[in-house]
């Protein structure tokens, strides 16, 4: 999995390419924690090129959201494919994390 980040005025954008599974989820968790440890409380996660997410990956998303909320921020998901949306819906994640189709709209939500 490849992870890139970009800073915006009110949030950080994280983009992942590939699979988020038990082997790669710790890398994603580390990246989220670095951003939050540097004082940001808003994270937009671009999932346009994520083709699989395991339960461990879902756990990372929920833990990141919990940490963001403690700091009066939030985690939002952007460009989530239909297959990924179904997986998030089955896991109940859609009730805890906002999902946007458009990057501009997601960044503007902060």
Foldseek 3Di string as FASTA:
>chain_A
DDWDWDDDDQEIEIEDAEEADPVCLVVVLVVLVVRVVVPHLEYEYEDQRYDYHDPSNLVSQVVSQVSSVVVVYGYAYENQDPVRVVVCVVVVVCVRHHYYDDPVVRVVVD
